[in-house]
Amino acid sequence: MTPLKIALTKGRLEEKTVALLEKMGYDCSQVRNKGRRLILPVGDGEIEVVLAKAADVITYVQHGVCDLGVVGKDTIMESTGGFFEVLDLGFGKCRFAVAGPKDSGIFEGYSVKTVATKYPKVARAFFENRDMDVRIIKIEGSVELAPLLGLAEAIVDLVETGTTLKENGLEILEIICPISARLIVNSAVMKLRKDEVEALVSRMSRAIQKKEEKVCLKQSS
């Protein structure tokens, strides 16, 4: 049988996903010792892991060259669809937030405000929902620079601890939504290999639930 190909976002999400697969009973030794390889077998060959950048995970799943993918909700929110989001994996947690100087006045008055972000689709949707007219500037690097240089009144970005914001004289002005890693499935694969996908999702769900139960037990003890 052809293995299910799962595209993983390189880095922390890759590490967390591999740990989850191991909790599910899969042998991930080849992924752990990958060297420079980017396509690796998992278990007895029923799964293949493809390592990619976040945006490329979406692309590979959309075009059907990978059956499933693990990617942050932030990347999903900037995408154009072509897949199903089937499971919140519970790791890679952070938040989308509007941030800026305390006196930015981003939510005050009626003048057009300028917002810098790596996520123009998310930013535009948020401000349109508030009936605010804003100019969105896309930034690829350290978006915190934009208010400091006078390019924008505020930014929309992912925030985990808020330390980087504080060190640059910025603060969270409003939380947009929580973010975590999600499992996505190609639309056609969801129909053609429905039983296999549902079995894998079920195993993942049980492994996540067991992990959460262990955390609760540790906290209560």
Protein backbone atom coordinates (compact mmCIF):
# COMPACT_ATOMS: atom_id res chain seq x y z
CA MET A 1 0.00 0.00 0.00
CA THR A 2 1.21 3.52 -0.78
CA PRO A 3 2.30 5.26 2.43
CA LEU A 4 0.48 8.34 3.63
CA LYS A 5 2.77 11.33 3.06
CA ILE A 6 2.73 13.85 5.89
CA ALA A 7 4.44 17.22 5.36
CA LEU A 8 5.88 18.59 8.60
CA THR A 9 6.89 22.17 9.30
CA LYS A 10 10.62 22.14 10.04
CA GLY A 11 11.81 23.09 13.51
CA ARG A 12 9.76 23.02 16.70
CA LEU A 13 6.57 21.73 15.08
CA GLU A 14 8.61 18.94 13.47
CA GLU A 15 10.06 17.94 16.85
CA LYS A 16 6.66 18.00 18.57
CA THR A 17 5.01 16.01 15.78
CA VAL A 18 7.73 13.36 15.81
CA ALA A 19 7.29 13.05 19.59
CA LEU A 20 3.54 12.61 19.06
CA LEU A 21 4.09 9.92 16.42
CA GLU A 22 6.39 8.09 18.86
CA LYS A 23 3.69 8.25 21.54
CA MET A 24 1.39 6.62 18.98
CA GLY A 25 3.85 3.72 18.74
CA TYR A 26 5.61 4.62 15.49
CA ASP A 27 9.34 4.08 15.04
CA CYS A 28 10.72 7.52 14.12
CA SER A 29 14.41 6.65 14.33
CA GLN A 30 15.08 7.58 10.71
CA VAL A 31 13.53 11.01 11.25
CA ARG A 32 15.57 11.45 14.41
CA ASN A 33 18.72 10.63 12.44
CA LYS A 34 17.74 12.29 9.18
CA GLY A 35 21.00 13.97 8.23
CA ARG A 36 20.17 16.07 5.16
CA ARG A 37 17.33 13.85 3.95
CA LEU A 38 13.94 15.53 3.54
CA ILE A 39 11.69 12.49 2.88
CA LEU A 40 11.84 9.80 5.54
CA PRO A 41 9.92 6.62 6.40
CA VAL A 42 8.10 6.24 9.71
CA GLY A 43 7.08 2.96 11.33
CA ASP A 44 6.96 0.02 8.93
CA GLY A 45 6.64 2.32 5.92
CA GLU A 46 2.93 3.08 6.29
CA ILE A 47 3.85 6.76 6.70
CA GLU A 48 6.40 8.99 4.99
CA VAL A 49 7.43 12.29 6.53
CA VAL A 50 8.28 15.23 4.26
CA LEU A 51 10.15 18.12 5.90
CA ALA A 52 9.33 21.58 4.56
CA LYS A 53 8.83 25.24 5.43
CA ALA A 54 5.40 26.18 6.76
CA ALA A 55 4.07 27.84 3.61
CA ASP A 56 5.32 24.94 1.50
CA VAL A 57 3.50 22.42 3.71
CA ILE A 58 0.26 24.11 2.67
CA THR A 59 1.30 24.10 -1.01
CA TYR A 60 2.24 20.41 -1.03
CA VAL A 61 -1.06 19.42 0.61
CA GLN A 62 -3.12 21.71 -1.66
CA HIS A 63 -1.56 20.16 -4.78
CA GLY A 64 -1.90 16.60 -3.47
CA VAL A 65 1.79 15.67 -3.51
CA CYS A 66 1.46 15.25 0.26
CA ASP A 67 -1.68 13.73 1.76
CA LEU A 68 -1.54 15.48 5.12
CA GLY A 69 0.39 18.27 6.78
CA VAL A 70 1.22 19.71 10.17
CA VAL A 71 1.30 23.49 10.16
CA GLY A 72 0.48 26.41 12.43
CA LYS A 73 -2.99 27.94 12.39
CA ASP A 74 -1.32 31.24 11.46
CA THR A 75 -0.18 29.81 8.12
CA ILE A 76 -3.61 28.28 7.53
CA MET A 77 -5.29 31.66 8.11
CA GLU A 78 -3.11 33.22 5.41
CA SER A 79 -3.81 30.42 2.91
CA THR A 80 -6.46 30.00 0.21
CA GLY A 81 -7.81 26.58 1.24
CA GLY A 82 -7.93 23.40 -0.81
CA PHE A 83 -7.68 21.19 2.26
CA PHE A 84 -9.51 20.19 5.44
CA GLU A 85 -8.32 21.20 8.91
CA VAL A 86 -9.08 18.08 10.95
CA LEU A 87 -7.29 18.25 14.30
CA ASP A 88 -5.87 20.75 16.80
CA LEU A 89 -2.62 19.11 17.90
CA GLY A 90 -2.37 21.21 21.05
CA PHE A 91 1.25 22.32 20.69
CA GLY A 92 2.99 25.29 19.07
CA LYS A 93 0.71 27.56 21.08
CA CYS A 94 0.87 31.34 20.76
CA ARG A 95 -1.48 34.21 19.90
CA PHE A 96 -2.18 36.60 17.06
CA ALA A 97 -2.14 40.10 18.51
CA VAL A 98 -2.24 43.76 17.62
CA ALA A 99 0.78 45.40 19.26
CA GLY A 100 2.42 48.79 19.32
CA PRO A 101 3.48 51.64 21.59
CA LYS A 102 1.11 52.25 24.48
CA ASP A 103 0.12 55.63 23.00
CA SER A 104 -0.24 54.37 19.42
CA GLY A 105 -3.90 55.42 19.21
CA ILE A 106 -4.53 52.64 16.70
CA PHE A 107 -8.14 52.24 17.85
CA GLU A 108 -8.82 55.97 18.25
CA GLY A 109 -10.17 58.57 15.82
CA TYR A 110 -11.25 58.15 12.21
CA SER A 111 -8.03 58.70 10.28
CA VAL A 112 -6.54 55.86 8.21
CA LYS A 113 -4.05 53.96 10.34
CA THR A 114 -1.00 52.06 9.06
CA VAL A 115 -0.36 48.52 10.25
CA ALA A 116 2.74 46.45 9.48
CA THR A 117 2.60 42.66 9.46
CA LYS A 118 3.81 39.39 7.97
CA TYR A 119 0.15 38.36 7.85
CA PRO A 120 -1.78 40.85 5.67
CA LYS A 121 -4.83 38.62 5.22
CA VAL A 122 -5.27 38.15 8.98
CA ALA A 123 -4.67 41.84 9.70
CA ARG A 124 -7.06 43.03 7.00
CA ALA A 125 -9.84 40.69 8.16
CA PHE A 126 -9.45 41.79 11.79
CA PHE A 127 -9.64 45.51 11.08
CA GLU A 128 -12.42 45.14 8.51
CA ASN A 129 -14.42 43.29 11.15
CA ARG A 130 -14.02 46.38 13.34
CA ASP A 131 -15.05 48.65 10.45
CA MET A 132 -11.64 50.32 10.52
CA ASP A 133 -9.93 51.70 7.44
CA VAL A 134 -6.26 50.71 7.60
CA ARG A 135 -3.28 50.63 5.27
CA ILE A 136 -1.49 47.28 5.47
CA ILE A 137 2.27 47.11 4.86
CA LYS A 138 3.79 43.64 4.50
CA ILE A 139 7.05 43.09 6.38
CA GLU A 140 9.19 39.96 5.97
CA GLY A 141 11.66 40.44 8.81
CA SER A 142 11.43 41.84 12.34
CA VAL A 143 8.03 43.49 12.23
CA GLU A 144 8.69 45.18 15.62
CA LEU A 145 10.89 47.67 13.76
CA ALA A 146 7.97 49.26 11.91
CA PRO A 147 6.54 51.34 14.82
CA LEU A 148 10.05 52.17 16.05
CA LEU A 149 10.96 53.63 12.65
CA GLY A 150 7.65 55.45 12.27
CA LEU A 151 6.49 53.26 9.39
CA ALA A 152 3.31 52.12 11.17
CA GLU A 153 1.23 52.91 14.24
CA ALA A 154 0.92 49.23 15.13
CA ILE A 155 1.72 45.69 14.04
CA VAL A 156 -0.13 42.39 13.79
CA ASP A 157 2.09 39.48 14.72
CA LEU A 158 2.40 36.20 16.57
CA VAL A 159 3.14 36.60 20.26
CA GLU A 160 4.34 33.81 22.51
CA THR A 161 5.76 35.38 25.68
CA GLY A 162 5.71 39.08 24.75
CA THR A 163 9.37 39.49 25.72
CA THR A 164 10.48 40.78 22.30
CA LEU A 165 7.69 43.36 22.34
CA LYS A 166 8.64 44.62 25.81
CA GLU A 167 12.33 44.83 24.95
CA ASN A 168 11.40 47.08 22.01
CA GLY A 169 9.03 49.33 23.95
CA LEU A 170 5.87 47.74 22.53
CA GLU A 171 2.94 46.01 24.18
CA ILE A 172 -0.09 43.93 23.27
CA LEU A 173 -3.01 46.22 22.45
CA GLU A 174 -5.53 43.49 21.63
CA ILE A 175 -5.53 39.71 21.21
CA ILE A 176 -6.94 38.56 17.86
CA CYS A 177 -7.08 34.78 18.39
CA PRO A 178 -5.15 31.80 19.80
CA ILE A 179 -2.85 29.81 17.52
CA SER A 180 -1.60 26.21 17.63
CA ALA A 181 -0.42 23.46 15.29
CA ARG A 182 -3.10 21.79 13.18
CA LEU A 183 -3.34 18.63 11.09
CA ILE A 184 -4.59 19.30 7.56
CA VAL A 185 -5.67 16.84 4.86
CA ASN A 186 -5.86 17.24 1.08
CA SER A 187 -9.50 17.52 -0.04
CA ALA A 188 -9.31 14.61 -2.51
CA VAL A 189 -7.38 12.36 -0.11
CA MET A 190 -10.08 12.93 2.51
CA LYS A 191 -12.46 11.13 0.14
CA LEU A 192 -10.17 8.61 -1.57
CA ARG A 193 -8.34 7.40 1.57
CA LYS A 194 -10.99 8.28 4.13
CA ASP A 195 -10.59 5.15 6.30
CA GLU A 196 -6.80 5.48 6.55
CA VAL A 197 -6.98 9.18 7.36
CA GLU A 198 -9.70 8.73 9.96
CA ALA A 199 -7.77 5.89 11.62
CA LEU A 200 -4.64 8.05 11.85
CA VAL A 201 -6.57 11.06 13.18
CA SER A 202 -8.23 8.84 15.78
CA ARG A 203 -4.87 7.50 16.97
CA MET A 204 -3.48 11.03 17.16
CA SER A 205 -6.49 12.22 19.14
CA ARG A 206 -6.09 9.41 21.67
CA ALA A 207 -2.35 10.12 22.06
CA ILE A 208 -3.03 13.83 22.61
CA GLN A 209 -5.76 13.06 25.14
CA LYS A 210 -3.45 10.72 27.09
CA LYS A 211 -0.77 13.40 27.16
CA GLU A 212 -3.25 15.96 28.49
CA GLU A 213 -4.42 13.52 31.16
CA LYS A 214 -0.83 12.99 32.31
CA VAL A 215 -0.30 16.75 32.57
CA CYS A 216 -3.47 17.09 34.67
CA LEU A 217 -2.33 14.27 36.97
CA LYS A 218 1.09 15.90 37.47
CA GLN A 219 -0.50 19.26 38.26
CA SER A 220 -2.94 17.74 40.77
CA SER A 221 -0.20 15.79 42.54
